[in-house]
């Protein structure tokens, strides 16, 4: 992509901090599907460039992308960062005409911990815990037309207990830094939102998951998908044998990574 097709734009100022989103305009112009991205990083690290290899592929193939920075856990605990993501979705919708964006559909992409954040918005776009900020966006809907979940943490409470059982102190600390308590892990929990019947939207989904992921058990994708289908949603789970957490961005030239990028692209274009 040329640099003229990429720009960083402030979408929210909160607590004196200006949050940026990186806008990738799709090649070819004209109406396009768009994706709003929430990156991973155990809620405490990373930025809008984490999934750049996916963003550039999408934009080169006619899909627009708005990749968000949001407050890390060192600055704001849950639900603050989910509120940032919700604001990012609503800001793009509210400013589409000014930005000369002709969006056919607007979906979400969430990787790792970003899967928890974007998952909350995807399933409950008007959830009271993450829609109280930015009064000027109050009239704008945060609903998503589709959702791409890459190696996602869709049940943070189950993942927290797995990390405790395995003695993974790094992951336990990441949960403790982001969630005030286990009640919050239940509240901001896409799987339990579904199970409790609190999901107001079930956008078409794809889950991208390696089978050798030490950060989240790959069977969690199947458990989530079974419940999603039971609730009436459409979801595809794509698994990649032997691939670890964040495999696409860690080694984008690997065969599995190339296939995953194509799978994401085809899913988005098919909506």
Protein backbone atom coordinates (compact mmCIF):
# COMPACT_ATOMS: atom_id res chain seq x y z
CA UNK A 1 0.00 0.00 0.00
CA UNK A 2 1.10 3.56 -0.55
CA UNK A 3 1.45 5.91 2.40
CA UNK A 4 -1.34 8.05 0.95
CA UNK A 5 -3.80 5.28 1.75
CA UNK A 6 -2.89 5.17 5.46
CA UNK A 7 -3.47 7.85 8.10
CA UNK A 8 -3.57 8.03 11.89
CA UNK A 9 -6.62 9.79 13.29
CA UNK A 10 -7.63 10.65 16.86
CA UNK A 11 -10.98 9.08 17.67
CA UNK A 12 -11.26 9.71 21.41
CA UNK A 13 -9.75 11.77 24.20
CA UNK A 14 -10.27 10.29 27.65
CA UNK A 15 -8.50 11.05 30.90
CA UNK A 16 -6.30 13.52 29.05
CA UNK A 17 -5.08 10.80 26.67
CA UNK A 18 -5.71 11.05 22.94
CA UNK A 19 -6.42 7.68 21.37
CA UNK A 20 -5.49 7.08 17.73
CA UNK A 21 -6.83 4.76 15.08
CA UNK A 22 -4.95 3.86 11.91
CA UNK A 23 -7.16 4.14 8.85
CA UNK A 24 -6.34 1.99 5.81
CA UNK A 25 -8.30 3.03 2.77
CA UNK A 26 -9.06 0.09 0.47
CA UNK A 27 -7.41 -0.21 -2.89
CA UNK A 28 -9.75 0.43 -5.79
CA UNK A 29 -12.08 2.91 -4.13
CA UNK A 30 -15.85 2.63 -4.18
CA UNK A 31 -18.13 0.92 -1.65
CA UNK A 32 -16.30 -1.56 0.57
CA UNK A 33 -16.62 -3.66 3.67
CA UNK A 34 -14.73 -2.18 6.61
CA UNK A 35 -13.13 -3.77 9.68
CA UNK A 36 -12.50 -2.13 13.06
CA UNK A 37 -9.58 -3.87 14.82
CA UNK A 38 -8.90 -4.38 18.54
CA UNK A 39 -5.38 -5.76 19.00
CA UNK A 40 -4.11 -8.25 21.56
CA UNK A 41 -1.35 -8.01 24.13
CA UNK A 42 -2.83 -9.48 27.33
CA UNK A 43 -4.75 -6.20 27.76
CA UNK A 44 -1.55 -4.41 28.75
CA UNK A 45 0.66 -4.07 25.68
CA UNK A 46 0.57 -3.75 21.91
CA UNK A 47 -0.89 -1.08 19.69
CA UNK A 48 -2.77 -0.44 16.45
CA UNK A 49 0.11 -1.94 14.43
CA UNK A 50 -0.06 -5.40 16.02
CA UNK A 51 -2.09 -6.89 13.19
CA UNK A 52 -0.58 -4.77 10.42
CA UNK A 53 0.09 -7.79 8.17
CA UNK A 54 -3.64 -8.57 8.20
CA UNK A 55 -4.64 -4.92 7.75
CA UNK A 56 -2.44 -4.42 4.71
CA UNK A 57 -3.69 -7.60 3.06
CA UNK A 58 -7.31 -6.59 3.61
CA UNK A 59 -6.76 -3.08 2.29
CA UNK A 60 -4.88 -4.36 -0.76
CA UNK A 61 -7.88 -6.55 -1.53
CA UNK A 62 -10.60 -3.95 -1.28
CA UNK A 63 -11.40 -3.92 2.45
CA UNK A 64 -11.07 -0.81 4.62
CA UNK A 65 -9.56 -1.05 8.10
CA UNK A 66 -9.66 1.16 11.20
CA UNK A 67 -7.15 -0.25 13.72
CA UNK A 68 -7.53 1.11 17.24
CA UNK A 69 -5.24 2.07 20.04
CA UNK A 70 -7.06 1.86 23.37
CA UNK A 71 -6.07 2.34 26.99
CA UNK A 72 -3.89 -0.48 28.36
CA UNK A 73 -4.60 -2.11 31.69
CA UNK A 74 -1.91 0.03 33.34
CA UNK A 75 -4.06 3.08 32.56
CA UNK A 76 -7.63 1.74 32.72
CA UNK A 77 -9.14 -1.48 33.98
CA UNK A 78 -12.18 -3.20 32.49
CA UNK A 79 -14.64 -1.93 31.29
CA UNK A 80 -12.76 1.23 30.26
CA UNK A 81 -10.87 -0.27 27.31
CA UNK A 82 -14.03 -1.97 26.00
CA UNK A 83 -15.66 1.45 26.10
CA UNK A 84 -12.74 2.75 23.98
CA UNK A 85 -13.36 0.00 21.41
CA UNK A 86 -17.08 0.75 21.36
CA UNK A 87 -16.29 4.43 20.83
CA UNK A 88 -13.93 3.52 17.98
CA UNK A 89 -16.70 1.65 16.16
CA UNK A 90 -19.20 4.45 16.72
CA UNK A 91 -16.69 7.16 15.78
CA UNK A 92 -16.00 5.52 12.43
CA UNK A 93 -19.72 5.30 11.70
CA UNK A 94 -20.39 8.87 12.80
CA UNK A 95 -17.50 10.26 10.73
CA UNK A 96 -17.85 8.08 7.65
CA UNK A 97 -19.31 10.83 5.47
CA UNK A 98 -16.67 13.37 6.53
CA UNK A 99 -13.92 10.85 5.81
CA UNK A 100 -15.55 9.98 2.46
CA UNK A 101 -15.95 6.36 3.53
CA UNK A 102 -18.56 4.43 1.57
CA UNK A 103 -19.06 1.39 3.79
CA UNK A 104 -21.28 -1.45 2.69
CA UNK A 105 -20.77 -3.23 6.01
CA UNK A 106 -18.70 -2.54 9.13
CA UNK A 107 -17.37 -5.52 11.08
CA UNK A 108 -14.93 -6.13 13.89
CA UNK A 109 -11.65 -7.97 14.28
CA UNK A 110 -10.32 -8.90 17.70
CA UNK A 111 -7.11 -10.81 18.36
CA UNK A 112 -6.27 -12.52 21.65
CA UNK A 113 -7.35 -10.20 24.47
CA UNK A 114 -8.84 -7.94 21.82
CA UNK A 115 -11.21 -10.82 21.11
CA UNK A 116 -12.71 -10.31 24.57
CA UNK A 117 -13.06 -6.57 23.98
CA UNK A 118 -14.46 -6.69 20.46
CA UNK A 119 -16.52 -9.75 21.38
CA UNK A 120 -18.36 -7.78 24.05
CA UNK A 121 -19.17 -5.06 21.52
CA UNK A 122 -20.17 -7.58 18.83
CA UNK A 123 -22.63 -9.46 21.04
CA UNK A 124 -23.93 -6.59 23.18
CA UNK A 125 -23.26 -3.33 21.27
CA UNK A 126 -25.45 -1.36 23.66
CA UNK A 127 -24.07 -2.96 26.83
CA UNK A 128 -24.37 -0.40 29.59
CA UNK A 129 -20.90 -1.18 30.97
CA UNK A 130 -19.20 0.08 27.79
CA UNK A 131 -21.52 2.66 26.24
CA UNK A 132 -21.61 5.41 28.85
CA UNK A 133 -18.74 7.49 27.43
CA UNK A 134 -18.61 10.18 24.74
CA UNK A 135 -22.04 11.79 24.82
CA UNK A 136 -21.60 13.08 21.26
CA UNK A 137 -21.66 9.44 20.05
CA UNK A 138 -24.66 8.41 22.16
CA UNK A 139 -26.94 8.34 19.14
CA UNK A 140 -24.61 6.15 17.08
CA UNK A 141 -25.05 2.38 17.06
CA UNK A 142 -21.97 0.21 17.80
CA UNK A 143 -23.44 -2.93 16.21
CA UNK A 144 -21.19 -4.94 13.89
CA UNK A 145 -22.14 -6.70 10.67
CA UNK A 146 -19.57 -9.50 11.14
CA UNK A 147 -16.78 -10.50 13.51
CA UNK A 148 -13.32 -12.00 12.96
CA UNK A 149 -11.86 -13.51 16.16
CA UNK A 150 -8.17 -14.42 15.95
CA UNK A 151 -6.84 -16.73 18.71
CA UNK A 152 -9.41 -14.99 20.93
CA UNK A 153 -10.02 -14.93 24.67
CA UNK A 154 -13.78 -15.38 24.43
CA UNK A 155 -14.15 -16.76 27.96
CA UNK A 156 -11.72 -14.83 30.17
CA UNK A 157 -12.92 -16.48 33.35
CA UNK A 158 -12.20 -19.97 32.00
CA UNK A 159 -8.82 -18.79 30.72
CA UNK A 160 -8.01 -17.25 34.12
CA UNK A 161 -8.72 -20.55 35.86
CA UNK A 162 -6.67 -22.44 33.27
CA UNK A 163 -3.73 -20.10 33.90
CA UNK A 164 -4.08 -20.63 37.64
CA UNK A 165 -4.18 -24.41 37.28
CA UNK A 166 -1.10 -24.41 35.05
CA UNK A 167 0.78 -21.98 37.28
CA UNK A 168 1.16 -19.44 34.46
CA UNK A 169 1.90 -16.42 36.63
CA UNK A 170 2.30 -14.09 33.63
CA UNK A 171 -1.25 -14.71 32.43
CA UNK A 172 -2.69 -14.61 35.95
CA UNK A 173 -1.02 -11.24 36.49
CA UNK A 174 -2.39 -9.96 33.17
CA UNK A 175 -5.93 -10.86 34.22
CA UNK A 176 -5.47 -9.27 37.63
CA UNK A 177 -4.12 -6.09 36.05
CA UNK A 178 -7.12 -5.72 33.74
CA UNK A 179 -10.12 -7.16 35.58
CA UNK A 180 -10.99 -5.78 39.03
CA UNK A 181 -12.25 -9.21 40.13
CA UNK A 182 -13.73 -12.50 38.90
CA UNK A 183 -17.19 -10.92 38.76
CA UNK A 184 -15.84 -8.60 36.08
CA UNK A 185 -14.38 -11.59 34.22
CA UNK A 186 -17.92 -12.98 34.15
CA UNK A 187 -19.53 -9.71 33.11
CA UNK A 188 -17.11 -8.84 30.29
CA UNK A 189 -17.22 -12.38 28.96
CA UNK A 190 -18.54 -13.03 25.43
CA UNK A 191 -19.20 -16.72 26.14
CA UNK A 192 -21.14 -16.00 29.32
CA UNK A 193 -22.98 -13.10 27.66
CA UNK A 194 -24.24 -15.72 25.21
CA UNK A 195 -24.98 -18.28 27.91
CA UNK A 196 -26.91 -15.79 30.04
CA UNK A 197 -29.05 -14.75 27.07
CA UNK A 198 -27.71 -11.18 27.12
CA UNK A 199 -26.51 -11.15 23.51
CA UNK A 200 -28.65 -8.80 21.42
CA UNK A 201 -26.68 -9.38 18.20
CA UNK A 202 -25.18 -12.51 16.62
CA UNK A 203 -23.13 -11.30 13.64
CA UNK A 204 -21.59 -13.90 11.31
CA UNK A 205 -18.27 -14.98 12.84
CA UNK A 206 -15.04 -16.71 11.97
CA UNK A 207 -12.55 -17.94 14.59
CA UNK A 208 -8.88 -18.33 13.61
CA UNK A 209 -7.17 -20.71 16.05
CA UNK A 210 -3.91 -22.67 16.25
CA UNK A 211 -4.03 -26.11 17.83
CA UNK A 212 -0.80 -25.61 19.82
CA UNK A 213 -1.85 -22.39 21.49
CA UNK A 214 -0.48 -22.35 25.05
CA UNK A 215 -2.33 -19.13 25.92
CA UNK A 216 -5.85 -20.40 25.27
CA UNK A 217 -7.02 -23.97 24.81
CA UNK A 218 -8.04 -24.46 21.19
CA UNK A 219 -11.09 -26.43 22.32
CA UNK A 220 -12.48 -23.17 23.73
CA UNK A 221 -13.20 -22.10 20.13
CA UNK A 222 -15.35 -25.21 19.64
CA UNK A 223 -17.19 -24.71 22.92
CA UNK A 224 -17.99 -21.11 21.98
CA UNK A 225 -19.02 -22.07 18.45
CA UNK A 226 -21.38 -24.79 19.68
CA UNK A 227 -23.18 -22.31 21.92
CA UNK A 228 -23.21 -19.63 19.19
CA UNK A 229 -24.94 -22.01 16.80
CA UNK A 230 -27.39 -23.10 19.49
CA UNK A 231 -28.34 -19.45 19.97
CA UNK A 232 -28.93 -19.07 16.22
CA UNK A 233 -25.66 -17.51 15.08
CA UNK A 234 -23.52 -18.48 12.11
CA UNK A 235 -19.88 -19.23 12.92
CA UNK A 236 -16.93 -20.95 11.25
CA UNK A 237 -13.94 -22.24 13.21
CA UNK A 238 -10.72 -22.54 11.22
CA UNK A 239 -7.94 -24.44 12.98
CA UNK A 240 -4.28 -24.61 11.98
CA UNK A 241 -2.36 -27.68 13.09
CA UNK A 242 0.61 -27.09 15.37
CA UNK A 243 0.28 -23.31 15.33
CA UNK A 244 0.88 -21.30 18.54
CA UNK A 245 -0.72 -18.14 19.88
CA UNK A 246 -0.40 -15.11 17.56
CA UNK A 247 1.07 -17.35 14.83
CA UNK A 248 -0.10 -15.12 11.96
CA UNK A 249 1.66 -11.99 13.20
CA UNK A 250 4.63 -13.82 14.73
CA UNK A 251 5.52 -15.61 11.48
CA UNK A 252 3.44 -14.16 8.62
CA UNK A 253 5.40 -16.02 5.94
CA UNK A 254 4.58 -19.48 7.31
CA UNK A 255 2.20 -21.52 5.17
CA UNK A 256 -0.41 -21.64 7.93
CA UNK A 257 -0.22 -17.88 8.41
CA UNK A 258 -0.64 -17.23 4.71
CA UNK A 259 -3.67 -19.51 4.65
CA UNK A 260 -5.16 -17.83 7.73
CA UNK A 261 -4.80 -14.38 6.15
CA UNK A 262 -6.56 -15.64 3.02
CA UNK A 263 -9.28 -17.23 5.16
CA UNK A 264 -9.84 -13.90 6.96
CA UNK A 265 -9.90 -11.98 3.68
CA UNK A 266 -12.34 -14.38 2.02
CA UNK A 267 -14.66 -14.31 5.03
CA UNK A 268 -14.77 -10.51 5.08
CA UNK A 269 -15.27 -10.19 1.33
CA UNK A 270 -18.05 -12.80 1.40
CA UNK A 271 -20.22 -10.81 3.79
